PDB file of N, CA and C in Angstrom:
ATOM      1  N   MET A   1     184.588  74.174  -8.504  1.00  0.00           N
ATOM      2  CA  MET A   1     183.964  73.920  -9.805  1.00  0.00           C
ATOM      3  C   MET A   1     183.300  75.191 -10.320  1.00  0.00           C
ATOM      4  N   ASP A   2     183.540  75.498 -11.575  1.00  0.00           N
ATOM      5  CA  ASP A   2     183.009  76.719 -12.175  1.00  0.00           C
ATOM      6  C   ASP A   2     181.563  76.500 -12.601  1.00  0.00           C
ATOM      7  N   MET A   3     180.782  77.560 -12.550  1.00  0.00           N
ATOM      8  CA  MET A   3     179.372  77.456 -12.931  1.00  0.00           C
ATOM      9  C   MET A   3     179.249  77.064 -14.400  1.00  0.00           C
ATOM     10  N   ARG A   4     180.132  77.618 -15.227  1.00  0.00           N
ATOM     11  CA  ARG A   4     180.069  77.289 -16.663  1.00  0.00           C
ATOM     12  C   ARG A   4     180.358  75.808 -16.887  1.00  0.00           C
ATOM     13  N   ASP A   5     181.314  75.267 -16.121  1.00  0.00           N
ATOM     14  CA  ASP A   5     181.609  73.834 -16.241  1.00  0.00           C
ATOM     15  C   ASP A   5     180.362  73.028 -15.906  1.00  0.00           C
ATOM     16  N   TYR A   6     179.693  73.427 -14.829  1.00  0.00           N
ATOM     17  CA  TYR A   6     178.492  72.718 -14.389  1.00  0.00           C
ATOM     18  C   TYR A   6     177.428  72.739 -15.480  1.00  0.00           C
ATOM     19  N   LEU A   7     177.217  73.923 -16.073  1.00  0.00           N
ATOM     20  CA  LEU A   7     176.198  74.042 -17.123  1.00  0.00           C
ATOM     21  C   LEU A   7     176.575  73.207 -18.340  1.00  0.00           C
ATOM     22  N   SER A   8     177.848  73.231 -18.721  1.00  0.00           N
ATOM     23  CA  SER A   8     178.260  72.468 -19.905  1.00  0.00           C
ATOM     24  C   SER A   8     178.101  70.971 -19.651  1.00  0.00           C
ATOM     25  N   ILE A   9     178.409  70.533 -18.432  1.00  0.00           N
ATOM     26  CA  ILE A   9     178.239  69.107 -18.107  1.00  0.00           C
ATOM     27  C   ILE A   9     176.760  68.738 -18.190  1.00  0.00           C
ATOM     28  N   LYS A  10     175.897  69.611 -17.660  1.00  0.00           N
ATOM     29  CA  LYS A  10     174.459  69.342 -17.741  1.00  0.00           C
ATOM     30  C   LYS A  10     174.022  69.251 -19.198  1.00  0.00           C
ATOM     31  N   ARG A  11     174.551  70.165 -20.019  1.00  0.00           N
ATOM     32  CA  ARG A  11     174.171  70.194 -21.431  1.00  0.00           C
ATOM     33  C   ARG A  11     174.615  68.897 -22.114  1.00  0.00           C
ATOM     34  N   ILE A  12     175.855  68.467 -21.822  1.00  0.00           N
ATOM     35  CA  ILE A  12     176.379  67.240 -22.442  1.00  0.00           C
ATOM     36  C   ILE A  12     175.535  66.045 -22.010  1.00  0.00           C
ATOM     37  N   LYS A  13     175.181  65.995 -20.726  1.00  0.00           N
ATOM     38  CA  LYS A  13     174.365  64.876 -20.246  1.00  0.00           C
ATOM     39  C   LYS A  13     173.021  64.863 -20.956  1.00  0.00           C
ATOM     40  N   ARG A  14     172.429  66.051 -21.107  1.00  0.00           N
ATOM     41  CA  ARG A  14     171.130  66.140 -21.767  1.00  0.00           C
ATOM     42  C   ARG A  14     171.262  65.650 -23.211  1.00  0.00           C
ATOM     43  N   ARG A  15     172.364  66.058 -23.883  1.00  0.00           N
ATOM     44  CA  ARG A  15     172.579  65.664 -25.270  1.00  0.00           C
ATOM     45  C   ARG A  15     172.703  64.142 -25.351  1.00  0.00           C
ATOM     46  N   ASN A  16     173.457  63.553 -24.411  1.00  0.00           N
ATOM     47  CA  ASN A  16     173.614  62.100 -24.410  1.00  0.00           C
ATOM     48  C   ASN A  16     172.272  61.422 -24.170  1.00  0.00           C
ATOM     49  N   ASN A  17     171.460  61.984 -23.283  1.00  0.00           N
ATOM     50  CA  ASN A  17     170.152  61.404 -23.012  1.00  0.00           C
ATOM     51  C   ASN A  17     169.286  61.421 -24.258  1.00  0.00           C
ATOM     52  N   SER A  18     169.306  62.528 -24.997  1.00  0.00           N
ATOM     53  CA  SER A  18     168.483  62.615 -26.202  1.00  0.00           C
ATOM     54  C   SER A  18     168.993  61.630 -27.253  1.00  0.00           C
ATOM     55  N   LYS A  19     170.324  61.451 -27.330  1.00  0.00           N
ATOM     56  CA  LYS A  19     170.884  60.475 -28.273  1.00  0.00           C
ATOM     57  C   LYS A  19     170.389  59.080 -27.917  1.00  0.00           C
ATOM     58  N   ASN A  20     170.434  58.752 -26.624  1.00  0.00           N
ATOM     59  CA  ASN A  20     169.987  57.431 -26.189  1.00  0.00           C
ATOM     60  C   ASN A  20     168.508  57.240 -26.491  1.00  0.00           C
ATOM     61  N   ALA A  21     167.722  58.276 -26.277  1.00  0.00           N
ATOM     62  CA  ALA A  21     166.288  58.188 -26.547  1.00  0.00           C
ATOM     63  C   ALA A  21     166.049  57.928 -28.031  1.00  0.00           C
ATOM     64  N   LYS A  22     166.809  58.629 -28.883  1.00  0.00           N
ATOM     65  CA  LYS A  22     166.657  58.436 -30.329  1.00  0.00           C
ATOM     66  C   LYS A  22     167.033  57.008 -30.713  1.00  0.00           C
ATOM     67  N   LEU A  23     168.112  56.486 -30.099  1.00  0.00           N
ATOM     68  CA  LEU A  23     168.541  55.126 -30.418  1.00  0.00           C
ATOM     69  C   LEU A  23     167.466  54.120 -30.007  1.00  0.00           C
ATOM     70  N   LYS A  24     166.831  54.356 -28.855  1.00  0.00           N
ATOM     71  CA  LYS A  24     165.788  53.444 -28.393  1.00  0.00           C
ATOM     72  C   LYS A  24     164.577  53.492 -29.317  1.00  0.00           C
ATOM     73  N   LYS A  25     164.283  54.671 -29.852  1.00  0.00           N
ATOM     74  CA  LYS A  25     163.107  54.818 -30.716  1.00  0.00           C
ATOM     75  C   LYS A  25     163.347  54.254 -32.118  1.00  0.00           C
ATOM     76  N   LYS A  26     164.616  54.146 -32.522  1.00  0.00           N
ATOM     77  CA  LYS A  26     164.945  53.758 -33.901  1.00  0.00           C
ATOM     78  C   LYS A  26     164.189  52.527 -34.415  1.00  0.00           C
ATOM     79  N   PRO A  27     164.128  51.420 -33.663  1.00  0.00           N
ATOM     80  CA  PRO A  27     163.445  50.240 -34.195  1.00  0.00           C
ATOM     81  C   PRO A  27     161.998  50.518 -34.604  1.00  0.00           C
ATOM     82  N   ASN A  28     161.320  51.401 -33.862  1.00  0.00           N
ATOM     83  CA  ASN A  28     159.931  51.729 -34.198  1.00  0.00           C
ATOM     84  C   ASN A  28     159.856  52.630 -35.420  1.00  0.00           C
ATOM     85  N   ASN A  29     160.858  53.501 -35.552  1.00  0.00           N
ATOM     86  CA  ASN A  29     160.835  54.477 -36.639  1.00  0.00           C
ATOM     87  C   ASN A  29     161.511  53.876 -37.868  1.00  0.00           C
ATOM     88  N   LYS A  30     160.770  53.722 -38.962  1.00  0.00           N
ATOM     89  CA  LYS A  30     161.341  53.098 -40.157  1.00  0.00           C
ATOM     90  C   LYS A  30     162.309  54.038 -40.868  1.00  0.00           C
ATOM     91  N   ASN A  31     162.038  55.332 -40.860  1.00  0.00           N
ATOM     92  CA  ASN A  31     162.921  56.273 -41.555  1.00  0.00           C
ATOM     93  C   ASN A  31     163.230  57.465 -40.650  1.00  0.00           C
ATOM     94  N   PRO A  32     164.227  57.344 -39.758  1.00  0.00           N
ATOM     95  CA  PRO A  32     164.532  58.427 -38.812  1.00  0.00           C
ATOM     96  C   PRO A  32     165.008  59.703 -39.498  1.00  0.00           C
ATOM     97  N   LEU A  33     165.727  59.559 -40.627  1.00  0.00           N
ATOM     98  CA  LEU A  33     166.251  60.749 -41.306  1.00  0.00           C
ATOM     99  C   LEU A  33     165.115  61.622 -41.824  1.00  0.00           C
ATOM    100  N   LEU A  34     164.079  61.003 -42.358  1.00  0.00           N
ATOM    101  CA  LEU A  34     162.953  61.776 -42.889  1.00  0.00           C
ATOM    102  C   LEU A  34     162.281  62.570 -41.776  1.00  0.00           C
ATOM    103  N   SER A  35     162.052  61.928 -40.644  1.00  0.00           N
ATOM    104  CA  SER A  35     161.389  62.627 -39.546  1.00  0.00           C
ATOM    105  C   SER A  35     162.267  63.767 -39.035  1.00  0.00           C
ATOM    106  N   LEU A  36     163.594  63.552 -39.023  1.00  0.00           N
ATOM    107  CA  LEU A  36     164.498  64.619 -38.585  1.00  0.00           C
ATOM    108  C   LEU A  36     164.403  65.811 -39.534  1.00  0.00           C
ATOM    109  N   LYS A  37     164.356  65.540 -40.834  1.00  0.00           N
ATOM    110  CA  LYS A  37     164.252  66.632 -41.805  1.00  0.00           C
ATOM    111  C   LYS A  37     162.945  67.387 -41.611  1.00  0.00           C
ATOM    112  N   LYS A  38     161.878  66.665 -41.343  1.00  0.00           N
ATOM    113  CA  LYS A  38     160.575  67.312 -41.130  1.00  0.00           C
ATOM    114  C   LYS A  38     160.637  68.241 -39.925  1.00  0.00           C
ATOM    115  N   LEU A  39     161.323  67.789 -38.873  1.00  0.00           N
ATOM    116  CA  LEU A  39     161.425  68.612 -37.672  1.00  0.00           C
ATOM    117  C   LEU A  39     162.256  69.862 -37.939  1.00  0.00           C
ATOM    118  N   LYS A  40     163.338  69.706 -38.709  1.00  0.00           N
ATOM    119  CA  LYS A  40     164.241  70.841 -38.927  1.00  0.00           C
ATOM    120  C   LYS A  40     163.635  71.884 -39.857  1.00  0.00           C
ATOM    121  N   THR A  41     162.907  71.448 -40.883  1.00  0.00           N
ATOM    122  CA  THR A  41     162.351  72.419 -41.830  1.00  0.00           C
ATOM    123  C   THR A  41     161.097  73.056 -41.249  1.00  0.00           C
ATOM    124  N   PRO A  42     160.977  74.363 -41.353  1.00  0.00           N
ATOM    125  CA  PRO A  42     159.821  75.066 -40.785  1.00  0.00           C
ATOM    126  C   PRO A  42     158.541  74.817 -41.587  1.00  0.00           C
TER     127      PRO A  42
END
């Protein structure tokens, strides 16, 4: 197994975890898009 493969798999898993976390938080958050925009804009 290549080191780059390992890192990319870790990255994908982390991305999936963050997606799942966002989905779990959605019911509490009335407007997820607004909060995302706030985070992205400096």
